[in-house]
Each structure stands twice: as C-alpha cells, then as structure tokens.
Amino acid sequence: MIVGQDRAVQQFASAWGTRKLHHAWLLAGPRGVGKASFAHAAARRVLAEAAGPPFDLPGIDTPDSHPIVKLVEAGSHPDMRQLARLTNEKTGNLNRSIKVEQIRELGEFMGMTAGLSPWRVVVIDSVDDLETSGANALLKILEEPPANTLFFLVTHAPGRLLATIRSRCRRLEFGPLDDDAMTSVLEAHAAGVTGAERAQIIAMSFGSAGRALAFAELGLAKLEDAALAILRQGDPTNARRSELAQDLGKKASADRYAAFLELAPSLIAREARSMTGDRLERALDAYAKARELASIAPRLSLDPAATVFQVGGILAEAAPPLP
C-alpha cells in the first residue's frame, strides 16, 4: 500500500482502468517520498491484472499471494525490466551512472514478444542516473514505444532531464508526506522507536519516509541533539564537535557519518526559520557552507573526523553570541 500519495495512485489507477493510457510516466518529487515504491506497485498491478487470475483490490494494490506478484518480487518476470546503477566489479561500489549498455539491452527487450500477457513494464530508478548517451538512447525508445509497454521513470530532479524526455512522459507529482503518513510508516517499519524519538525523526526528515527510516535505523536522534546543542549554545571549548568527530570518524560509523552530512544543513535551515537579523544572516551563511562541505566531502574522500569537526565549527558559527 502506498502511503500519503493518494492523488498519484488515483490518477494512474483511473488511466489503467481504461487501458488507454500514456506509455511513459515520470514520477517526480523529493527523495524518499514513495516514488520507487509506487513504480513497483503499479508494475505489479499491471502485470498481475493483465495476466490473471483476477482479484478485487482498490487502487494499485495486488495480493501478495498472486503468482504474477511472486514472479515480480523474485525479479524473474519475463515481461518486466528494472534498471538502476550496477555494482562495479572492481571497486565493489555502485557505478556513478546507468550505462548506455543497459539501455541498449532494454532495446533488445523491446524487440521480444511479451510472454505472460500483452503488457510489459520498465522501471528506471532513477532516470537522473543515466549518462548522456544512455539518455539519448532512452529517448529513441520513448519516441517509438512498442504497443502495451509502460515506462515508470523515477526522478528526483526533473528539471535536469532532457526536455525531450520530459515532453514524452505524463508527469505524476509526489510531494513530501504529512506527519500522519510519516507516523504510519515509522509505526509499520520502525516499531522499536519511541513516541518521542518518532516525533523527533519526523521533524528532521522533512516529509521523506526514506530519510526517516534511515534516521531511525542509524539512531540519528542523538546526533541531532548533539548538533542542535552546538547550533543553539555554541562550542567555545571545541568539546562538543570533538566528541562528534570521534564518534563519526570510526570506520564502523560510515553510514552515520554520511547521514550526518545530510542532516547538518537541514538542521540549520530548520532553525533559521525562527531567526531574524544578524543571526539569520549568519545561519544562512552557515547553511551554504555546510551544504557545500556535505557535497564535496564524499567526492573528495575527505577525512570523516576532520570533516565532522569542520561541520561542528560551521554549526557553532550560527549559534547566538556568548553573553
């Protein structure tokens, strides 16, 4: 069940019900609000309903016991392709982009006859990750789409896509989730989080369920408290930022370090809403610095401990002056 995106569900379900629908759907919105989940749910619905046996569920829901759903979940449905960045065999890390070869293989898939029903589905998560040659190759496919083929293109930054790709898609908007939807997600998938922690996580997740679940898993509520202490009270002895750096500089803390880099600018932005005058100016300057550092640190493989210490200094710059 897709939580908090009723309008997108209704729009697609209505179109699918007529079987006269656009061949390409651009799922646009912030990270972590359910776009990929929607794409996979819609794919399951299309393939299961097209192949049978029939079922009676609303929207884009499908029964978990349906044989087609089981094939989709196992990644073995012959009429579905899912494209994402692949793991680099040499480094063990994800490639920086979806390669053009993957799109060319998709073209070969288009030349095949559908096996289990007249319909085929392609999910690309995310289309933002296509290299330039791959984007151009995808455009050619979208320009002459095979009959009864649906494309679900997940995008976090639709403005960066080729205008010609955007023009060949029907766009579905996915907005940040409200607090009730966020609570439902956390209650379902992070049952061990207390009510107080849940409220804190929701406040720092800005409507992103994906971010909230990651924060819950990594125990970032305590990190937020430590960062807010610096932001609100300063750090004249460097003790607070030193403790953070020691904690997040360990190899075992790599995921928490990455999440902290994402969290710090968001905290400054949130706190800045209640600021005025000189302090607001300093907060905006700190936000720009924190965001830039969070962006370049992973790319340049900067030392985590030193980076966290520097972020702590940026937070301290936005703190109120000492009496």
Protein backbone atom coordinates (compact mmCIF):
# COMPACT_ATOMS: atom_id res chain seq x y z
CA MET A 1 0.00 0.00 0.00
CA ILE A 2 1.34 3.43 -0.98
CA VAL A 3 1.04 5.86 1.95
CA GLY A 4 0.41 9.58 1.54
CA GLN A 5 0.31 9.73 -2.28
CA ASP A 6 -3.41 9.19 -2.90
CA ARG A 7 -3.61 11.63 -5.81
CA ALA A 8 -0.86 9.89 -7.79
CA VAL A 9 -2.42 6.49 -7.08
CA GLN A 10 -5.85 7.68 -8.20
CA GLN A 11 -4.52 9.27 -11.40
CA PHE A 12 -2.69 6.18 -12.54
CA ALA A 13 -5.39 3.74 -11.43
CA SER A 14 -8.01 5.68 -13.38
CA ALA A 15 -5.87 5.70 -16.51
CA TRP A 16 -5.03 2.00 -16.22
CA GLY A 17 -8.69 1.19 -15.76
CA THR A 18 -9.40 2.49 -19.26
CA ARG A 19 -6.40 0.70 -20.80
CA LYS A 20 -5.96 3.89 -22.83
CA LEU A 21 -3.04 5.43 -21.02
CA HIS A 22 0.23 7.19 -21.70
CA HIS A 23 3.15 4.84 -22.32
CA ALA A 24 5.67 6.76 -20.13
CA TRP A 25 5.12 8.06 -16.61
CA LEU A 26 7.56 10.47 -15.00
CA LEU A 27 7.38 10.07 -11.21
CA ALA A 28 8.73 13.37 -9.89
CA GLY A 29 9.38 14.54 -6.35
CA PRO A 30 11.86 14.62 -3.45
CA ARG A 31 13.81 11.54 -2.41
CA GLY A 32 12.19 9.11 -0.05
CA VAL A 33 8.52 10.01 -0.60
CA GLY A 34 7.44 6.76 -2.27
CA LYS A 35 8.17 7.18 -6.00
CA ALA A 36 10.06 3.90 -6.40
CA SER A 37 7.54 2.08 -4.22
CA PHE A 38 4.77 3.43 -6.41
CA ALA A 39 6.56 2.31 -9.59
CA HIS A 40 6.92 -1.24 -8.34
CA ALA A 41 3.35 -1.36 -7.01
CA ALA A 42 1.99 -0.09 -10.34
CA ALA A 43 4.12 -2.62 -12.22
CA ARG A 44 2.78 -5.45 -10.08
CA ARG A 45 -0.80 -4.27 -10.62
CA VAL A 46 -0.44 -4.01 -14.40
CA LEU A 47 1.25 -7.37 -14.89
CA ALA A 48 -0.94 -9.24 -12.42
CA GLU A 49 -4.21 -7.82 -13.68
CA ALA A 50 -3.23 -8.32 -17.33
CA ALA A 51 -2.23 -11.95 -16.84
CA GLY A 52 -4.75 -13.06 -14.20
CA PRO A 53 -6.13 -14.69 -12.25
CA PRO A 54 -8.45 -11.75 -11.44
CA PHE A 55 -8.65 -10.12 -8.00
CA ASP A 56 -10.62 -7.33 -6.40
CA LEU A 57 -8.45 -4.73 -4.70
CA PRO A 58 -8.58 -0.91 -4.94
CA GLY A 59 -6.07 1.48 -6.50
CA ILE A 60 -2.82 -0.21 -7.45
CA ASP A 61 -2.83 -2.85 -4.71
CA THR A 62 -2.26 -6.52 -5.53
CA PRO A 63 -2.46 -9.64 -3.34
CA ASP A 64 0.92 -10.87 -2.15
CA SER A 65 -0.17 -14.43 -2.94
CA HIS A 66 -0.79 -13.70 -6.62
CA PRO A 67 1.52 -15.83 -8.83
CA ILE A 68 2.49 -12.86 -11.00
CA VAL A 69 3.37 -10.79 -7.93
CA LYS A 70 5.65 -13.58 -6.75
CA LEU A 71 7.47 -13.54 -10.10
CA VAL A 72 7.89 -9.77 -9.96
CA GLU A 73 9.20 -9.87 -6.40
CA ALA A 74 11.66 -12.62 -7.34
CA GLY A 75 12.94 -10.50 -10.24
CA SER A 76 12.08 -13.28 -12.68
CA HIS A 77 9.07 -11.91 -14.54
CA PRO A 78 9.90 -12.16 -18.27
CA ASP A 79 7.87 -9.05 -19.17
CA MET A 80 9.47 -6.64 -16.70
CA ARG A 81 12.82 -4.88 -16.60
CA GLN A 82 14.23 -2.81 -13.75
CA LEU A 83 17.19 -0.53 -14.43
CA ALA A 84 19.40 1.03 -11.78
CA ARG A 85 23.10 1.65 -11.25
CA LEU A 86 25.05 -1.60 -11.20
CA THR A 87 27.83 -2.59 -8.83
CA ASN A 88 31.33 -2.07 -10.20
CA GLU A 89 33.08 -5.44 -10.08
CA LYS A 90 36.49 -3.85 -9.48
CA THR A 91 35.59 -1.46 -6.66
CA GLY A 92 32.51 -3.12 -5.19
CA ASN A 93 30.78 0.27 -5.24
CA LEU A 94 27.82 1.37 -7.35
CA ASN A 95 28.64 2.87 -10.71
CA ARG A 96 28.14 6.60 -10.93
CA SER A 97 25.58 6.21 -13.71
CA ILE A 98 23.26 3.84 -15.52
CA LYS A 99 25.32 2.81 -18.52
CA VAL A 100 24.24 3.11 -22.14
CA GLU A 101 24.73 -0.65 -22.48
CA GLN A 102 21.86 -1.17 -20.05
CA ILE A 103 19.60 0.95 -22.26
CA ARG A 104 20.70 -0.96 -25.34
CA GLU A 105 19.78 -4.20 -23.63
CA LEU A 106 16.41 -2.61 -22.94
CA GLY A 107 16.06 -2.04 -26.67
CA GLU A 108 16.59 -5.77 -27.22
CA PHE A 109 13.89 -6.47 -24.64
CA MET A 110 11.51 -4.26 -26.63
CA GLY A 111 12.06 -6.46 -29.67
CA MET A 112 10.83 -9.56 -27.84
CA THR A 113 7.24 -10.74 -27.69
CA ALA A 114 5.60 -10.40 -24.27
CA GLY A 115 5.31 -13.79 -22.61
CA LEU A 116 2.64 -13.89 -19.89
CA SER A 117 0.24 -11.17 -21.07
CA PRO A 118 0.11 -8.47 -23.76
CA TRP A 119 1.71 -5.94 -21.38
CA ARG A 120 5.31 -5.17 -20.47
CA VAL A 121 6.73 -2.82 -17.85
CA VAL A 122 10.05 -0.99 -17.45
CA VAL A 123 11.10 0.74 -14.20
CA ILE A 124 14.14 3.03 -14.20
CA ASP A 125 15.24 4.16 -10.73
CA SER A 126 16.36 6.75 -11.21
CA VAL A 127 16.37 8.24 -14.69
CA ASP A 128 18.54 11.03 -13.21
CA ASP A 129 21.40 8.49 -13.14
CA LEU A 130 21.52 8.00 -16.93
CA GLU A 131 24.74 9.04 -18.62
CA THR A 132 24.24 11.33 -21.61
CA SER A 133 24.48 8.61 -24.22
CA GLY A 134 22.06 6.49 -22.21
CA ALA A 135 19.55 9.35 -22.02
CA ASN A 136 19.70 9.77 -25.78
CA ALA A 137 19.24 6.03 -26.30
CA LEU A 138 16.22 6.03 -23.98
CA LEU A 139 14.75 8.97 -25.87
CA LYS A 140 14.76 6.96 -29.10
CA ILE A 141 12.83 4.18 -27.38
CA LEU A 142 10.30 6.62 -25.94
CA GLU A 143 9.83 8.23 -29.35
CA GLU A 144 8.69 4.93 -30.88
CA PRO A 145 7.36 2.90 -27.96
CA PRO A 146 6.17 -0.65 -28.55
CA ALA A 147 2.47 -1.27 -28.00
CA ASN A 148 1.31 -2.20 -24.50
CA THR A 149 4.58 -1.17 -22.86
CA LEU A 150 4.66 1.08 -19.80
CA PHE A 151 7.69 3.02 -18.57
CA PHE A 152 7.95 4.29 -15.00
CA LEU A 153 10.80 6.80 -14.77
CA VAL A 154 11.71 7.85 -11.23
CA THR A 155 13.25 11.32 -10.97
CA HIS A 156 14.36 13.42 -8.00
CA ALA A 157 15.33 16.37 -10.22
CA PRO A 158 13.08 16.52 -13.30
CA GLY A 159 14.49 19.89 -14.35
CA ARG A 160 17.84 18.26 -15.10
CA LEU A 161 16.39 15.75 -17.56
CA LEU A 162 16.37 16.23 -21.30
CA ALA A 163 13.38 18.36 -22.20
CA THR A 164 12.61 15.90 -24.96
CA ILE A 165 12.34 13.06 -22.43
CA ARG A 166 10.06 15.11 -20.19
CA SER A 167 7.84 16.00 -23.15
CA ARG A 168 7.23 12.33 -23.93
CA CYS A 169 6.04 11.48 -20.43
CA ARG A 170 2.96 12.05 -18.35
CA ARG A 171 4.14 13.54 -15.08
CA LEU A 172 2.94 12.42 -11.67
CA GLU A 173 3.85 14.68 -8.74
CA PHE A 174 4.92 13.20 -5.41
CA GLY A 175 5.09 15.66 -2.53
CA PRO A 176 6.52 15.40 1.00
CA LEU A 177 4.45 13.21 3.31
CA ASP A 178 2.42 14.78 6.08
CA ASP A 179 3.03 13.89 9.74
CA ASP A 180 0.23 11.33 9.85
CA ALA A 181 1.66 9.45 6.87
CA MET A 182 5.16 9.63 8.34
CA THR A 183 3.86 8.26 11.63
CA SER A 184 2.19 5.35 9.82
CA VAL A 185 5.40 4.48 8.01
CA LEU A 186 7.51 4.58 11.17
CA GLU A 187 4.98 2.58 13.16
CA ALA A 188 4.95 -0.08 10.45
CA HIS A 189 8.68 -0.28 9.77
CA ALA A 190 10.44 1.07 12.89
CA ALA A 191 8.37 -0.33 15.72
CA GLY A 192 11.23 -0.06 18.23
CA VAL A 193 11.32 3.74 18.05
CA THR A 194 9.68 5.50 21.00
CA GLY A 195 6.99 8.12 20.57
CA ALA A 196 9.37 10.94 21.47
CA GLU A 197 12.05 9.67 19.10
CA ARG A 198 9.46 9.26 16.35
CA ALA A 199 8.36 12.88 16.70
CA GLN A 200 11.99 14.00 16.57
CA ILE A 201 12.72 11.89 13.50
CA ILE A 202 9.65 13.22 11.69
CA ALA A 203 10.68 16.80 12.42
CA MET A 204 14.12 16.32 10.88
CA SER A 205 13.01 14.23 7.90
CA PHE A 206 11.06 16.95 6.04
CA GLY A 207 8.36 14.61 4.77
CA SER A 208 10.74 11.94 3.45
CA ALA A 209 9.82 8.48 4.68
CA GLY A 210 13.04 7.06 3.27
CA ARG A 211 15.09 9.55 5.24
CA ALA A 212 13.05 8.93 8.38
CA LEU A 213 13.58 5.16 8.21
CA ALA A 214 17.29 5.66 7.65
CA PHE A 215 17.46 8.04 10.60
CA ALA A 216 15.58 5.54 12.79
CA GLU A 217 17.87 2.69 11.79
CA LEU A 218 21.02 4.72 12.40
CA GLY A 219 19.89 6.24 15.67
CA LEU A 220 20.29 9.79 14.43
CA ALA A 221 18.03 11.34 17.06
CA LYS A 222 21.02 11.52 19.42
CA LEU A 223 23.18 13.01 16.68
CA GLU A 224 20.55 15.66 16.10
CA ASP A 225 20.58 16.51 19.80
CA ALA A 226 24.37 16.90 19.71
CA ALA A 227 24.27 19.08 16.59
CA LEU A 228 21.45 21.23 17.97
CA ALA A 229 23.40 21.77 21.19
CA ILE A 230 26.19 23.34 19.15
CA LEU A 231 23.79 25.28 16.95
CA ARG A 232 21.88 26.73 19.92
CA GLN A 233 24.56 27.01 22.58
CA GLY A 234 27.84 27.20 20.68
CA ASP A 235 31.00 25.22 21.38
CA PRO A 236 33.58 27.57 22.92
CA THR A 237 35.90 24.76 24.08
CA ASN A 238 35.54 22.59 20.92
CA ALA A 239 34.48 19.72 23.21
CA ARG A 240 31.13 19.06 21.52
CA ARG A 241 32.48 18.97 17.97
CA SER A 242 35.46 16.87 19.12
CA GLU A 243 33.10 14.28 20.61
CA LEU A 244 31.08 14.18 17.41
CA ALA A 245 34.22 13.82 15.30
CA GLN A 246 35.49 10.98 17.47
CA ASP A 247 32.14 9.18 17.23
CA LEU A 248 31.62 9.56 13.47
CA GLY A 249 35.24 9.25 12.41
CA LYS A 250 35.34 5.49 13.00
CA LYS A 251 35.15 3.10 10.04
CA ALA A 252 32.11 1.40 11.55
CA SER A 253 30.28 4.75 11.55
CA ALA A 254 30.43 5.33 7.78
CA ASP A 255 26.65 5.24 7.30
CA ARG A 256 26.01 7.51 10.29
CA TYR A 257 28.70 9.90 9.03
CA ALA A 258 27.03 10.11 5.60
CA ALA A 259 23.63 10.70 7.23
CA PHE A 260 25.08 13.40 9.48
CA LEU A 261 26.43 15.28 6.46
CA GLU A 262 22.91 15.29 5.04
CA LEU A 263 21.36 16.20 8.38
CA ALA A 264 23.50 19.21 9.31
CA PRO A 265 22.37 21.64 6.55
CA SER A 266 18.74 20.62 7.14
CA LEU A 267 19.02 21.43 10.84
CA ILE A 268 20.46 24.86 10.12
CA ALA A 269 17.65 25.56 7.64
CA ARG A 270 15.02 24.46 10.15
CA GLU A 271 16.45 26.58 12.96
CA ALA A 272 16.86 29.58 10.66
CA ARG A 273 13.09 29.84 10.26
CA SER A 274 12.81 31.31 13.75
CA MET A 275 15.79 33.65 13.43
CA THR A 276 15.97 37.32 12.48
CA GLY A 277 18.56 39.98 11.86
CA ASP A 278 22.26 39.28 12.19
CA ARG A 279 21.78 35.75 13.45
CA LEU A 280 19.64 34.87 10.44
CA GLU A 281 22.37 36.14 8.13
CA ARG A 282 24.96 34.01 9.93
CA ALA A 283 22.66 30.99 9.78
CA LEU A 284 22.16 31.38 6.03
CA ASP A 285 25.91 31.67 5.55
CA ALA A 286 26.42 28.57 7.71
CA TYR A 287 23.80 26.69 5.71
CA ALA A 288 25.62 27.44 2.46
CA LYS A 289 28.95 26.33 3.93
CA ALA A 290 27.51 23.13 5.45
CA ARG A 291 25.74 22.22 2.24
CA GLU A 292 28.87 22.75 0.16
CA LEU A 293 31.02 20.72 2.54
CA ALA A 294 28.45 17.92 2.67
CA SER A 295 28.52 17.82 -1.12
CA ILE A 296 32.27 17.79 -1.70
CA ALA A 297 33.43 15.69 1.28
CA PRO A 298 32.32 12.30 -0.16
CA ARG A 299 33.56 13.13 -3.65
CA LEU A 300 36.99 14.15 -2.41
CA SER A 301 37.14 11.37 0.21
CA LEU A 302 37.88 13.90 2.95
CA ASP A 303 38.78 12.51 6.37
CA PRO A 304 35.46 11.89 8.20
CA ALA A 305 36.66 13.00 11.63
CA ALA A 306 38.16 16.23 10.30
CA THR A 307 35.06 16.88 8.20
CA VAL A 308 32.70 16.39 11.15
CA PHE A 309 34.86 18.71 13.26
CA GLN A 310 34.63 21.32 10.49
CA VAL A 311 30.85 20.91 10.26
CA GLY A 312 30.70 21.40 14.03
CA GLY A 313 32.56 24.67 13.59
CA ILE A 314 30.05 25.79 10.96
CA LEU A 315 27.19 24.98 13.32
CA ALA A 316 28.88 26.99 16.06
CA GLU A 317 29.13 30.00 13.74
CA ALA A 318 25.31 30.15 13.66
CA ALA A 319 24.97 29.94 17.47
CA PRO A 320 23.93 33.03 19.44
CA PRO A 321 26.87 35.09 20.77
CA LEU A 322 28.14 34.29 24.24
CA PRO A 323 26.90 36.65 26.96
